[in-house]
């Protein structure tokens, strides 16, 4: 009897050690990520080590990569363009983020809408607009030749300049949105105190403000770099052969050459580059600073290399000395000279909104050719769109998939966010990292891994396959959105209801969910936009039979730029704008 009792107590002790408490709520989301992200990634890694002629582990594909100069050159091009994109996105977006951080909440939210709109606008729509603006007979060349600045058209497209313009435009909103929360948490009394002690404007900025904003700057650079690694839309349409990026080669290896093993090798290279960047960031700032501004400096102060921080301080001191001649200009106001700041902000917001401004009148042109401004106007291209069975079918499919994605992603991401908010388990950090993994792994790699998995289980060319892929990409956004709302939630309300006899389900239904309604609806709307705009997954999983609206636009853009594409782009812009306005209104209520 005593032995049975001891066995029961031992089992009870083991179970108590394994008890995760509320963290079990994250189990469905973790299982989803494990099956449709981790498993395909592991399969790709295994495939990259398979030989074509020999059984067992083989390095022949990696050897082929190392021995073929063109692939190493494409690797270098991918890293160079991604680094330049991250650098210019942060550099140009920093003044906008700093200005937004100093605004009152009500005004900041209004201006943030102008940043969110280009951020959520389809990459295809933005790229289409830049093709119109940068082409030989595009808007910019027409202005330059018309005013006599140049005799002939300039090469603004099919080169690295065109690629960087398109990619920086696409990534700058992400950099701004990442930096703003960190900058909002900076105590503005610190620079004022330094100024009262005699510090000049350059010293206050480089030695106080910038170091405090550095976690946000680094996070913005990290996210834009990782996202840029998987770009293929912008370089495909705005670049030339010298700007071919790794994602384009992966698509070619899978869809044209059907060389899965070598595509897996290239995918592993992309993931390795992303993981190295994440590891470096985590050593100095901690991954939690990607979503929690309050914890930005803690981990970095413990784990960052002392010598590197010391070198950084010397560099900042040198920059303060170099900028010292501009101290007098900077002292005209807390934020610098207002006319210069206003002009810069005006140019930047015009740059961000340029695609929407250009596409709108082009959609109403009466001509067959795309010229700006249109010589005459008509609604014929909208009639062409609404009268096309192919376009309407793709649009309805995008709506249906996006609606299902919004429900599933909000449910999974919301439960995971609730689990982390209620749990103090040591596994919380691991859960946090897994929830962000679909946002960190380049999309092209996720698409290839899912395609390889779904081709074997029969979900290619199915709506279910599209929903699964889109949900995987949307989970991080719903997780972050609902997690942000949970930070300010008063859990004493749940405890008070429980003391009055309400069960957990009743508390969740009558107390928790109604109070979190705004954040949940907002998260669902963002998940809807994520799915509605998604091309990478659709490019593989649709199988050419279940085209979504972005996939149909991709196919048409390859054939010819036409006014119907402008009309479709306006439809997408209107849908995205309405959803963002709804999300903003819900967040206020």
Protein backbone atom coordinates (compact mmCIF):
# COMPACT_ATOMS: atom_id res chain seq x y z
CA UNK A 1 0.00 0.00 0.00
CA UNK A 2 2.80 2.37 0.87
CA UNK A 3 4.48 1.65 -2.48
CA UNK A 4 1.24 2.50 -4.34
CA UNK A 5 0.93 5.71 -2.38
CA UNK A 6 4.52 6.66 -3.12
CA UNK A 7 3.97 5.95 -6.85
CA UNK A 8 0.86 8.15 -6.90
CA UNK A 9 2.67 10.94 -5.07
CA UNK A 10 5.64 10.65 -7.45
CA UNK A 11 3.33 10.91 -10.44
CA UNK A 12 1.58 13.87 -8.86
CA UNK A 13 4.92 15.58 -8.32
CA UNK A 14 5.89 14.97 -11.94
CA UNK A 15 2.57 16.36 -13.14
CA UNK A 16 2.96 19.43 -10.96
CA UNK A 17 6.37 20.07 -12.45
CA UNK A 18 4.88 19.78 -15.96
CA UNK A 19 1.91 21.99 -15.13
CA UNK A 20 1.83 25.01 -17.44
CA UNK A 21 -1.35 26.61 -16.10
CA UNK A 22 -2.99 29.04 -18.56
CA UNK A 23 -0.18 28.39 -21.05
CA UNK A 24 -2.17 25.36 -22.24
CA UNK A 25 -4.42 27.85 -24.05
CA UNK A 26 -1.60 28.33 -26.53
CA UNK A 27 -1.55 24.60 -27.41
CA UNK A 28 -3.79 24.90 -30.55
CA UNK A 29 -1.68 27.75 -31.99
CA UNK A 30 1.56 25.95 -31.14
CA UNK A 31 0.31 22.76 -32.78
CA UNK A 32 -0.71 24.73 -35.87
CA UNK A 33 2.70 26.41 -36.12
CA UNK A 34 4.49 23.11 -35.46
CA UNK A 35 2.61 21.21 -38.18
CA UNK A 36 2.57 23.87 -40.89
CA UNK A 37 5.82 25.74 -40.19
CA UNK A 38 8.32 23.72 -38.16
CA UNK A 39 7.58 20.38 -39.84
CA UNK A 40 7.90 21.77 -43.40
CA UNK A 41 11.12 23.57 -42.39
CA UNK A 42 12.61 20.35 -41.01
CA UNK A 43 11.57 18.51 -44.16
CA UNK A 44 13.24 21.16 -46.32
CA UNK A 45 16.43 20.90 -44.27
CA UNK A 46 16.41 17.12 -44.70
CA UNK A 47 15.72 17.47 -48.41
CA UNK A 48 18.68 19.84 -48.83
CA UNK A 49 21.00 17.06 -47.59
CA UNK A 50 19.60 14.40 -49.93
CA UNK A 51 21.60 13.22 -52.93
CA UNK A 52 20.27 12.74 -56.44
CA UNK A 53 22.20 9.56 -57.15
CA UNK A 54 23.33 8.39 -53.71
CA UNK A 55 21.21 7.40 -50.74
CA UNK A 56 21.73 8.91 -47.31
CA UNK A 57 23.13 12.29 -46.31
CA UNK A 58 24.88 14.19 -49.07
CA UNK A 59 26.42 17.66 -49.42
CA UNK A 60 26.37 17.65 -53.21
CA UNK A 61 23.75 20.41 -53.49
CA UNK A 62 25.66 22.65 -51.09
CA UNK A 63 28.82 21.88 -53.05
CA UNK A 64 27.00 22.84 -56.25
CA UNK A 65 25.97 26.11 -54.61
CA UNK A 66 29.56 26.86 -53.58
CA UNK A 67 31.00 25.86 -56.97
CA UNK A 68 28.57 27.90 -59.08
CA UNK A 69 29.62 31.57 -59.13
CA UNK A 70 26.23 32.82 -60.35
CA UNK A 71 24.42 31.53 -57.25
CA UNK A 72 26.99 33.05 -54.90
CA UNK A 73 26.61 36.32 -56.79
CA UNK A 74 22.82 36.17 -56.38
CA UNK A 75 23.30 35.50 -52.66
CA UNK A 76 25.46 38.60 -52.42
CA UNK A 77 22.94 40.67 -54.42
CA UNK A 78 20.14 39.52 -52.09
CA UNK A 79 22.06 40.44 -48.94
CA UNK A 80 23.27 43.75 -50.36
CA UNK A 81 19.82 44.90 -51.51
CA UNK A 82 18.25 43.76 -48.22
CA UNK A 83 20.85 45.62 -46.15
CA UNK A 84 20.49 48.79 -48.23
CA UNK A 85 16.70 48.57 -48.00
CA UNK A 86 16.83 48.21 -44.21
CA UNK A 87 19.35 51.05 -43.90
CA UNK A 88 17.43 53.58 -46.01
CA UNK A 89 14.05 52.54 -44.55
CA UNK A 90 15.28 53.26 -41.01
CA UNK A 91 17.29 56.34 -41.99
CA UNK A 92 14.46 58.03 -43.88
CA UNK A 93 11.74 56.82 -41.53
CA UNK A 94 13.46 57.86 -38.28
CA UNK A 95 12.46 61.58 -38.43
CA UNK A 96 8.85 60.61 -39.17
CA UNK A 97 8.78 58.15 -36.25
CA UNK A 98 10.36 60.71 -33.89
CA UNK A 99 7.79 63.33 -34.89
CA UNK A 100 4.87 60.93 -34.49
CA UNK A 101 6.13 59.86 -31.05
CA UNK A 102 5.92 63.44 -29.76
CA UNK A 103 2.33 63.98 -30.87
CA UNK A 104 -0.67 63.53 -28.56
CA UNK A 105 -2.34 60.14 -28.89
CA UNK A 106 -5.35 61.42 -30.84
CA UNK A 107 -3.26 63.25 -33.44
CA UNK A 108 -0.71 60.44 -33.64
CA UNK A 109 -3.39 57.88 -34.51
CA UNK A 110 -4.67 60.06 -37.36
CA UNK A 111 -1.21 60.41 -38.89
CA UNK A 112 -0.42 56.75 -38.31
CA UNK A 113 -3.31 55.93 -40.62
CA UNK A 114 -1.31 57.49 -43.47
CA UNK A 115 1.54 55.14 -42.58
CA UNK A 116 -0.71 52.08 -42.21
CA UNK A 117 -2.39 52.62 -45.58
CA UNK A 118 0.76 52.11 -47.71
CA UNK A 119 1.93 49.38 -45.29
CA UNK A 120 -1.18 47.25 -45.89
CA UNK A 121 -1.58 48.16 -49.56
CA UNK A 122 -0.79 45.26 -51.88
CA UNK A 123 2.84 44.97 -53.00
CA UNK A 124 1.48 44.37 -56.49
CA UNK A 125 -0.48 47.63 -56.45
CA UNK A 126 2.54 49.58 -55.22
CA UNK A 127 4.88 47.96 -57.74
CA UNK A 128 2.39 48.58 -60.57
CA UNK A 129 2.26 52.27 -59.63
CA UNK A 130 6.06 52.57 -59.50
CA UNK A 131 6.30 50.99 -62.95
CA UNK A 132 4.02 53.76 -64.23
CA UNK A 133 6.09 56.45 -62.50
CA UNK A 134 9.61 55.16 -63.27
CA UNK A 135 9.16 53.88 -66.84
CA UNK A 136 10.82 55.42 -69.90
CA UNK A 137 7.57 57.23 -70.66
CA UNK A 138 6.52 57.39 -67.04
CA UNK A 139 5.58 60.33 -64.88
CA UNK A 140 9.08 61.31 -63.73
CA UNK A 141 10.67 61.10 -67.16
CA UNK A 142 7.78 63.02 -68.68
CA UNK A 143 8.30 65.80 -66.15
CA UNK A 144 12.07 65.86 -66.66
CA UNK A 145 11.90 65.92 -70.46
CA UNK A 146 8.93 68.28 -70.52
CA UNK A 147 10.69 70.87 -68.37
CA UNK A 148 13.93 70.55 -70.32
CA UNK A 149 15.95 69.16 -67.40
CA UNK A 150 17.07 66.21 -69.55
CA UNK A 151 17.14 65.67 -73.30
CA UNK A 152 16.12 62.03 -73.09
CA UNK A 153 14.56 59.68 -70.59
CA UNK A 154 16.62 58.49 -67.61
CA UNK A 155 17.05 54.84 -66.68
CA UNK A 156 14.97 54.81 -63.50
CA UNK A 157 13.78 51.23 -63.80
CA UNK A 158 15.22 47.77 -64.49
CA UNK A 159 18.23 48.62 -62.33
CA UNK A 160 19.19 48.77 -58.66
CA UNK A 161 17.80 52.28 -58.26
CA UNK A 162 14.31 51.13 -59.27
CA UNK A 163 14.49 48.11 -56.97
CA UNK A 164 15.60 50.19 -53.99
CA UNK A 165 12.88 52.79 -54.59
CA UNK A 166 10.20 50.10 -54.65
CA UNK A 167 11.57 48.15 -51.70
CA UNK A 168 12.26 51.16 -49.49
CA UNK A 169 8.75 52.41 -50.21
CA UNK A 170 7.36 49.01 -49.20
CA UNK A 171 9.52 48.64 -46.07
CA UNK A 172 9.62 52.18 -44.65
CA UNK A 173 6.12 51.95 -43.07
CA UNK A 174 7.22 48.77 -41.26
CA UNK A 175 10.33 50.57 -39.95
CA UNK A 176 8.26 53.56 -38.79
CA UNK A 177 5.61 51.43 -37.10
CA UNK A 178 8.34 49.48 -35.28
CA UNK A 179 10.21 52.56 -34.06
CA UNK A 180 7.22 54.62 -32.88
CA UNK A 181 6.32 52.51 -29.77
CA UNK A 182 9.91 52.63 -28.50
CA UNK A 183 10.23 56.38 -29.12
CA UNK A 184 6.89 57.01 -27.42
CA UNK A 185 8.30 55.47 -24.24
CA UNK A 186 11.31 57.84 -24.12
CA UNK A 187 11.10 60.36 -21.28
CA UNK A 188 11.41 63.71 -23.05
CA UNK A 189 12.51 65.34 -19.80
CA UNK A 190 15.94 63.69 -20.16
CA UNK A 191 17.03 65.74 -23.22
CA UNK A 192 15.60 68.86 -21.58
CA UNK A 193 17.59 68.18 -18.42
CA UNK A 194 20.74 67.68 -20.48
CA UNK A 195 20.06 70.96 -22.27
CA UNK A 196 19.68 72.79 -18.97
CA UNK A 197 23.14 71.47 -18.05
CA UNK A 198 24.68 72.94 -21.20
CA UNK A 199 24.42 70.06 -23.70
CA UNK A 200 23.98 71.28 -27.27
CA UNK A 201 21.31 69.96 -29.61
CA UNK A 202 23.68 67.51 -31.38
CA UNK A 203 24.89 66.14 -28.05
CA UNK A 204 21.34 65.73 -26.73
CA UNK A 205 20.31 63.82 -29.84
CA UNK A 206 23.32 61.54 -30.37
CA UNK A 207 24.21 60.87 -26.73
CA UNK A 208 20.73 60.70 -25.13
CA UNK A 209 17.79 60.46 -27.55
CA UNK A 210 19.32 58.15 -30.15
CA UNK A 211 20.68 55.55 -27.66
CA UNK A 212 17.25 55.39 -26.02
CA UNK A 213 15.62 54.89 -29.42
CA UNK A 214 18.25 52.36 -30.53
CA UNK A 215 16.19 49.23 -29.65
CA UNK A 216 13.42 50.48 -31.94
CA UNK A 217 15.91 51.40 -34.66
CA UNK A 218 17.52 47.97 -34.46
CA UNK A 219 14.13 46.22 -34.42
CA UNK A 220 13.03 48.20 -37.48
CA UNK A 221 16.25 47.32 -39.26
CA UNK A 222 15.92 43.65 -38.29
CA UNK A 223 12.33 43.26 -39.50
CA UNK A 224 12.90 45.16 -42.75
CA UNK A 225 16.07 43.16 -43.48
CA UNK A 226 14.41 39.79 -42.88
CA UNK A 227 11.33 40.74 -44.89
CA UNK A 228 13.49 42.05 -47.75
CA UNK A 229 15.37 38.75 -47.96
CA UNK A 230 12.25 37.06 -49.31
CA UNK A 231 11.22 39.79 -51.79
CA UNK A 232 10.51 38.78 -55.36
CA UNK A 233 7.70 41.06 -56.64
CA UNK A 234 9.68 44.32 -56.69
CA UNK A 235 12.91 42.94 -58.21
CA UNK A 236 10.89 40.93 -60.76
CA UNK A 237 9.19 44.06 -62.14
CA UNK A 238 11.50 46.97 -61.27
CA UNK A 239 14.88 45.25 -61.53
CA UNK A 240 17.00 43.72 -64.26
CA UNK A 241 19.15 40.63 -64.45
CA UNK A 242 21.73 42.24 -62.18
CA UNK A 243 19.10 42.61 -59.43
CA UNK A 244 17.82 39.03 -59.42
CA UNK A 245 17.23 38.00 -55.81
CA UNK A 246 17.26 34.62 -54.14
CA UNK A 247 13.47 34.33 -53.86
CA UNK A 248 13.17 34.56 -57.65
CA UNK A 249 15.65 31.71 -58.07
CA UNK A 250 13.76 29.60 -55.52
CA UNK A 251 10.52 30.12 -57.47
CA UNK A 252 12.28 29.13 -60.69
CA UNK A 253 13.82 26.02 -59.11
CA UNK A 254 10.39 24.83 -57.90
CA UNK A 255 8.01 25.87 -60.67
CA UNK A 256 10.20 25.62 -63.78
CA UNK A 257 13.05 23.21 -63.01
CA UNK A 258 11.21 21.14 -60.34
CA UNK A 259 14.52 20.90 -58.47
CA UNK A 260 13.18 20.61 -54.92
CA UNK A 261 16.51 19.71 -53.32
CA UNK A 262 18.35 22.78 -54.59
CA UNK A 263 15.35 25.00 -53.78
CA UNK A 264 15.59 23.60 -50.24
CA UNK A 265 19.30 24.52 -50.10
CA UNK A 266 18.54 28.12 -51.09
CA UNK A 267 15.69 28.23 -48.56
CA UNK A 268 18.01 27.01 -45.81
CA UNK A 269 20.45 29.79 -46.73
CA UNK A 270 17.69 32.40 -46.34
CA UNK A 271 16.55 31.01 -42.99
CA UNK A 272 20.17 30.85 -41.75
CA UNK A 273 20.69 34.52 -42.63
CA UNK A 274 17.47 35.46 -40.82
CA UNK A 275 18.43 33.44 -37.72
CA UNK A 276 21.89 35.04 -37.56
CA UNK A 277 20.30 38.50 -37.71
CA UNK A 278 17.82 37.54 -34.98
CA UNK A 279 20.55 36.08 -32.77
CA UNK A 280 22.63 39.27 -33.04
CA UNK A 281 19.59 41.38 -32.19
CA UNK A 282 18.61 39.16 -29.25
CA UNK A 283 22.12 39.42 -27.75
CA UNK A 284 21.86 43.18 -27.42
CA UNK A 285 18.17 43.99 -27.01
CA UNK A 286 16.15 40.82 -26.41
CA UNK A 287 13.40 39.56 -28.69
CA UNK A 288 10.68 40.86 -26.36
CA UNK A 289 11.56 44.42 -27.41
CA UNK A 290 10.08 43.65 -30.81
CA UNK A 291 6.65 44.07 -29.27
CA UNK A 292 7.25 45.43 -25.75
CA UNK A 293 8.84 48.85 -25.59
CA UNK A 294 9.11 48.71 -21.84
CA UNK A 295 11.66 45.95 -21.90
CA UNK A 296 13.91 47.32 -24.54
CA UNK A 297 17.06 47.85 -22.68
CA UNK A 298 17.11 45.20 -20.01
CA UNK A 299 18.49 42.26 -21.84
CA UNK A 300 20.93 44.27 -23.87
CA UNK A 301 22.52 45.71 -20.73
CA UNK A 302 23.23 42.18 -19.49
CA UNK A 303 24.21 40.33 -22.62
CA UNK A 304 25.59 42.93 -25.05
CA UNK A 305 29.29 43.01 -25.65
CA UNK A 306 30.90 45.71 -23.52
CA UNK A 307 33.54 46.53 -26.07
CA UNK A 308 30.96 47.01 -28.82
CA UNK A 309 28.83 49.31 -26.68
CA UNK A 310 31.95 51.28 -25.78
CA UNK A 311 32.86 51.60 -29.45
CA UNK A 312 29.29 52.69 -30.17
CA UNK A 313 29.50 55.42 -27.56
CA UNK A 314 32.68 56.74 -29.19
CA UNK A 315 31.03 56.72 -32.61
CA UNK A 316 28.02 58.64 -31.26
CA UNK A 317 30.31 61.15 -29.57
CA UNK A 318 32.09 61.61 -32.90
CA UNK A 319 28.78 62.15 -34.70
CA UNK A 320 27.78 64.72 -32.08
CA UNK A 321 31.06 66.57 -32.73
CA UNK A 322 30.58 66.41 -36.52
CA UNK A 323 27.04 67.79 -36.20
CA UNK A 324 28.07 70.53 -33.77
CA UNK A 325 28.06 73.27 -36.49
CA UNK A 326 24.31 72.72 -36.81
CA UNK A 327 23.61 73.26 -33.11
CA UNK A 328 22.37 76.78 -33.71
CA UNK A 329 19.86 75.57 -36.27
CA UNK A 330 18.68 72.81 -33.99
CA UNK A 331 18.12 75.14 -31.04
CA UNK A 332 15.35 77.03 -32.84
CA UNK A 333 12.88 74.47 -31.53
CA UNK A 334 12.66 71.25 -29.62
CA UNK A 335 12.23 69.30 -32.83
CA UNK A 336 14.56 71.30 -35.05
CA UNK A 337 13.69 74.06 -37.53
CA UNK A 338 9.98 73.72 -38.24
CA UNK A 339 10.04 74.69 -41.96
CA UNK A 340 12.71 72.07 -42.71
CA UNK A 341 10.89 69.46 -40.66
CA UNK A 342 7.54 70.25 -42.30
CA UNK A 343 9.07 70.07 -45.79
CA UNK A 344 10.72 66.73 -45.04
CA UNK A 345 7.54 65.24 -43.58
CA UNK A 346 5.54 66.50 -46.57
CA UNK A 347 7.95 64.89 -49.04
CA UNK A 348 8.02 61.60 -47.10
CA UNK A 349 4.25 61.31 -46.82
CA UNK A 350 3.93 62.18 -50.51
CA UNK A 351 6.43 59.41 -51.26
CA UNK A 352 4.44 56.92 -49.17
CA UNK A 353 1.10 57.85 -50.74
CA UNK A 354 2.37 58.28 -54.31
CA UNK A 355 1.13 54.88 -55.60
CA UNK A 356 -2.42 55.57 -54.41
CA UNK A 357 -2.33 59.06 -55.92
CA UNK A 358 -1.10 57.74 -59.27
CA UNK A 359 -3.30 54.65 -59.60
CA UNK A 360 -6.61 56.40 -58.88
CA UNK A 361 -6.83 58.61 -62.03
CA UNK A 362 -5.29 55.87 -64.22
CA UNK A 363 -8.17 53.57 -63.36
CA UNK A 364 -10.58 56.05 -64.99
CA UNK A 365 -8.66 56.56 -68.22
CA UNK A 366 -10.56 56.15 -71.48
CA UNK A 367 -7.43 55.17 -73.39
CA UNK A 368 -5.89 51.78 -74.05
CA UNK A 369 -2.41 52.99 -73.07
CA UNK A 370 -1.42 54.04 -69.56
CA UNK A 371 -0.35 57.68 -69.58
CA UNK A 372 -0.39 60.13 -66.69
CA UNK A 373 -2.40 62.28 -66.50
CA UNK A 374 -5.03 60.52 -68.62
CA UNK A 375 -6.14 62.55 -71.68
CA UNK A 376 -9.77 61.50 -71.14
CA UNK A 377 -11.78 59.67 -68.51
CA UNK A 378 -14.18 56.74 -68.50
CA UNK A 379 -15.42 53.91 -66.29
CA UNK A 380 -14.96 51.30 -69.02
CA UNK A 381 -12.16 49.48 -67.19
CA UNK A 382 -14.27 49.00 -64.08
CA UNK A 383 -16.96 47.55 -66.34
CA UNK A 384 -14.29 45.30 -67.81
CA UNK A 385 -13.34 44.14 -64.31
CA UNK A 386 -16.87 43.58 -63.00
CA UNK A 387 -17.88 41.86 -66.25
CA UNK A 388 -15.00 39.39 -66.20
CA UNK A 389 -15.78 35.98 -64.76
CA UNK A 390 -12.07 35.37 -64.10
CA UNK A 391 -11.59 38.57 -62.09
CA UNK A 392 -14.83 38.22 -60.11
CA UNK A 393 -14.10 34.57 -59.31
CA UNK A 394 -10.62 35.51 -58.04
CA UNK A 395 -12.08 38.38 -55.98
CA UNK A 396 -14.78 36.23 -54.37
CA UNK A 397 -12.21 33.55 -53.57
CA UNK A 398 -9.97 36.15 -51.93
CA UNK A 399 -12.90 37.38 -49.81
CA UNK A 400 -13.87 33.88 -48.74
CA UNK A 401 -10.33 32.80 -47.89
CA UNK A 402 -9.66 36.08 -46.07
CA UNK A 403 -12.85 35.78 -44.01
CA UNK A 404 -12.01 32.22 -42.93
CA UNK A 405 -8.42 33.26 -42.22
CA UNK A 406 -9.56 36.15 -40.03
CA UNK A 407 -11.68 33.85 -37.86
CA UNK A 408 -9.08 31.09 -37.51
CA UNK A 409 -6.07 33.37 -37.00
CA UNK A 410 -7.89 35.53 -34.44
CA UNK A 411 -8.98 32.45 -32.49
CA UNK A 412 -5.50 30.87 -32.45
CA UNK A 413 -3.54 34.09 -31.94
CA UNK A 414 -5.97 35.39 -29.33
CA UNK A 415 -5.79 32.20 -27.25
CA UNK A 416 -1.98 32.28 -27.38
CA UNK A 417 -1.93 35.95 -26.35
CA UNK A 418 -4.32 35.23 -23.47
CA UNK A 419 -2.15 32.30 -22.39
CA UNK A 420 1.00 34.44 -22.20
CA UNK A 421 -0.82 37.28 -20.44
CA UNK A 422 -2.11 34.93 -17.71
CA UNK A 423 0.98 32.73 -17.32
CA UNK A 424 4.35 33.27 -15.67
CA UNK A 425 5.73 29.94 -16.88
CA UNK A 426 9.38 29.64 -17.87
CA UNK A 427 8.12 28.39 -21.25
CA UNK A 428 6.59 31.78 -22.01
CA UNK A 429 9.59 33.03 -23.96
CA UNK A 430 9.62 29.92 -26.16
CA UNK A 431 5.90 30.33 -26.87
CA UNK A 432 6.46 34.01 -27.66
CA UNK A 433 9.21 33.16 -30.16
CA UNK A 434 7.13 30.48 -31.87
CA UNK A 435 4.18 32.84 -32.26
CA UNK A 436 6.43 35.36 -34.02
CA UNK A 437 8.19 32.71 -36.13
CA UNK A 438 5.86 33.01 -39.18
CA UNK A 439 6.64 36.73 -39.29
CA UNK A 440 10.41 36.16 -38.97
CA UNK A 441 10.92 33.30 -41.45
CA UNK A 442 10.98 34.71 -45.03
CA UNK A 443 7.61 34.14 -46.70
CA UNK A 444 9.09 32.51 -49.77
CA UNK A 445 10.59 29.80 -47.53
CA UNK A 446 7.25 29.25 -45.79
CA UNK A 447 5.54 28.99 -49.17
CA UNK A 448 8.03 26.43 -50.50
CA UNK A 449 7.80 24.33 -47.32
CA UNK A 450 4.00 24.39 -47.36
CA UNK A 451 3.89 23.54 -51.05
CA UNK A 452 6.15 20.55 -50.50
CA UNK A 453 3.94 19.35 -47.61
CA UNK A 454 0.57 20.03 -49.24
CA UNK A 455 1.59 18.43 -52.52
CA UNK A 456 1.90 15.17 -50.58
CA UNK A 457 -1.36 15.47 -48.64
CA UNK A 458 -3.45 16.69 -51.58
CA UNK A 459 -4.17 20.28 -50.50
CA UNK A 460 -2.56 22.06 -53.46
CA UNK A 461 -5.13 23.93 -55.58
CA UNK A 462 -7.62 23.95 -52.70
CA UNK A 463 -9.23 26.70 -50.63
CA UNK A 464 -8.31 24.81 -47.45
CA UNK A 465 -4.64 24.94 -48.41
CA UNK A 466 -4.87 28.69 -49.00
CA UNK A 467 -6.64 29.23 -45.66
CA UNK A 468 -3.99 27.24 -43.80
CA UNK A 469 -1.14 29.16 -45.42
CA UNK A 470 -2.73 32.57 -44.91
CA UNK A 471 -3.64 31.76 -41.31
CA UNK A 472 -0.03 30.85 -40.60
CA UNK A 473 1.09 34.28 -41.83
CA UNK A 474 -1.70 36.14 -40.00
CA UNK A 475 -1.24 34.54 -36.55
CA UNK A 476 1.65 36.85 -35.49
CA UNK A 477 -0.43 39.95 -36.28
CA UNK A 478 -3.45 38.76 -34.28
CA UNK A 479 -1.16 37.59 -31.46
CA UNK A 480 0.52 41.01 -31.22
CA UNK A 481 -2.71 43.01 -31.60
CA UNK A 482 -4.62 41.11 -28.90
CA UNK A 483 -1.52 40.91 -26.69
CA UNK A 484 -1.21 44.70 -26.80
CA UNK A 485 -4.81 45.08 -25.58
CA UNK A 486 -4.26 42.51 -22.81
CA UNK A 487 -1.40 44.60 -21.39
CA UNK A 488 -3.91 47.14 -20.10
CA UNK A 489 -6.54 44.65 -19.03
CA UNK A 490 -7.53 44.64 -15.35
CA UNK A 491 -7.57 40.98 -14.31
CA UNK A 492 -9.18 41.89 -10.97
CA UNK A 493 -12.50 42.08 -12.84
CA UNK A 494 -12.26 38.37 -13.65
CA UNK A 495 -11.31 37.60 -10.08
CA UNK A 496 -14.27 39.60 -8.76
CA UNK A 497 -16.66 37.72 -11.05
CA UNK A 498 -15.16 34.39 -9.97
CA UNK A 499 -15.65 35.24 -6.28
CA UNK A 500 -19.34 35.86 -7.05
CA UNK A 501 -19.68 32.33 -8.38
CA UNK A 502 -19.11 32.74 -12.12
CA UNK A 503 -17.30 29.85 -13.81
CA UNK A 504 -14.36 30.28 -16.17
CA UNK A 505 -16.45 30.00 -19.33
CA UNK A 506 -18.99 32.48 -18.03
CA UNK A 507 -16.26 34.95 -17.00
CA UNK A 508 -14.67 34.63 -20.43
CA UNK A 509 -18.01 35.10 -22.22
CA UNK A 510 -19.47 37.92 -20.12
CA UNK A 511 -16.40 39.79 -18.84
CA UNK A 512 -13.17 39.13 -20.73
CA UNK A 513 -14.37 38.96 -24.34
CA UNK A 514 -16.67 42.03 -24.19
CA UNK A 515 -13.85 44.15 -22.70
CA UNK A 516 -11.40 42.88 -25.32
CA UNK A 517 -13.88 43.22 -28.18
CA UNK A 518 -12.15 46.19 -29.80
CA UNK A 519 -8.77 44.48 -29.88
CA UNK A 520 -10.25 41.21 -31.14
CA UNK A 521 -12.15 42.89 -33.99
CA UNK A 522 -9.09 44.95 -34.88
CA UNK A 523 -6.94 41.80 -34.96
CA UNK A 524 -9.48 40.05 -37.19
CA UNK A 525 -9.51 42.97 -39.61
CA UNK A 526 -5.71 42.98 -39.84
CA UNK A 527 -5.75 39.22 -40.43
CA UNK A 528 -8.32 39.77 -43.19
CA UNK A 529 -6.09 42.34 -44.91
CA UNK A 530 -3.05 40.07 -44.52
CA UNK A 531 -4.87 37.28 -46.34
CA UNK A 532 -6.57 39.46 -48.94
CA UNK A 533 -3.22 40.97 -49.98
CA UNK A 534 -1.13 37.76 -49.83
CA UNK A 535 0.56 36.55 -53.01
CA UNK A 536 3.51 34.32 -52.04
CA UNK A 537 1.44 31.45 -50.62
CA UNK A 538 -1.14 31.78 -53.41
CA UNK A 539 1.59 31.61 -56.04
CA UNK A 540 2.42 28.07 -54.91
CA UNK A 541 -0.70 26.66 -53.23
CA UNK A 542 -3.26 27.89 -55.78
CA UNK A 543 -1.81 25.51 -58.36
CA UNK A 544 -3.04 27.80 -61.14
CA UNK A 545 -6.61 26.62 -60.55
CA UNK A 546 -7.64 28.52 -57.40
CA UNK A 547 -6.36 32.01 -58.24
CA UNK A 548 -6.85 34.73 -55.68
CA UNK A 549 -7.04 38.40 -56.64
CA UNK A 550 -3.30 39.06 -56.07
CA UNK A 551 -2.42 35.90 -58.03
CA UNK A 552 -4.59 37.02 -60.94
CA UNK A 553 -2.96 40.46 -60.85
CA UNK A 554 0.49 38.81 -60.89
CA UNK A 555 -0.43 36.79 -63.97
CA UNK A 556 -1.84 39.82 -65.80
CA UNK A 557 1.15 42.04 -64.97
CA UNK A 558 3.46 39.49 -66.54
CA UNK A 559 1.55 39.73 -69.80
CA UNK A 560 1.05 43.50 -70.14
CA UNK A 561 0.36 46.61 -68.10
CA UNK A 562 -3.20 47.63 -68.87
CA UNK A 563 -5.87 49.94 -67.43
CA UNK A 564 -7.83 46.97 -66.06
CA UNK A 565 -4.98 46.43 -63.60
CA UNK A 566 -5.37 50.06 -62.50
CA UNK A 567 -9.09 49.51 -61.92
CA UNK A 568 -8.37 46.33 -59.90
CA UNK A 569 -5.73 48.23 -57.92
CA UNK A 570 -8.28 50.90 -57.00
CA UNK A 571 -10.72 48.19 -55.85
CA UNK A 572 -7.99 46.72 -53.63
CA UNK A 573 -7.08 50.17 -52.27
CA UNK A 574 -10.71 50.92 -51.43
CA UNK A 575 -11.15 47.59 -49.63
CA UNK A 576 -7.93 48.03 -47.62
CA UNK A 577 -8.79 51.66 -46.75
CA UNK A 578 -12.28 50.75 -45.53
CA UNK A 579 -10.93 47.91 -43.38
CA UNK A 580 -8.22 50.13 -41.85
CA UNK A 581 -10.77 52.84 -41.08
CA UNK A 582 -12.98 50.24 -39.42
CA UNK A 583 -10.04 48.94 -37.40
CA UNK A 584 -9.13 52.46 -36.29
CA UNK A 585 -12.71 53.21 -35.30
CA UNK A 586 -13.01 49.94 -33.37
CA UNK A 587 -9.79 50.67 -31.48
CA UNK A 588 -11.15 54.05 -30.36
CA UNK A 589 -14.47 52.62 -29.14
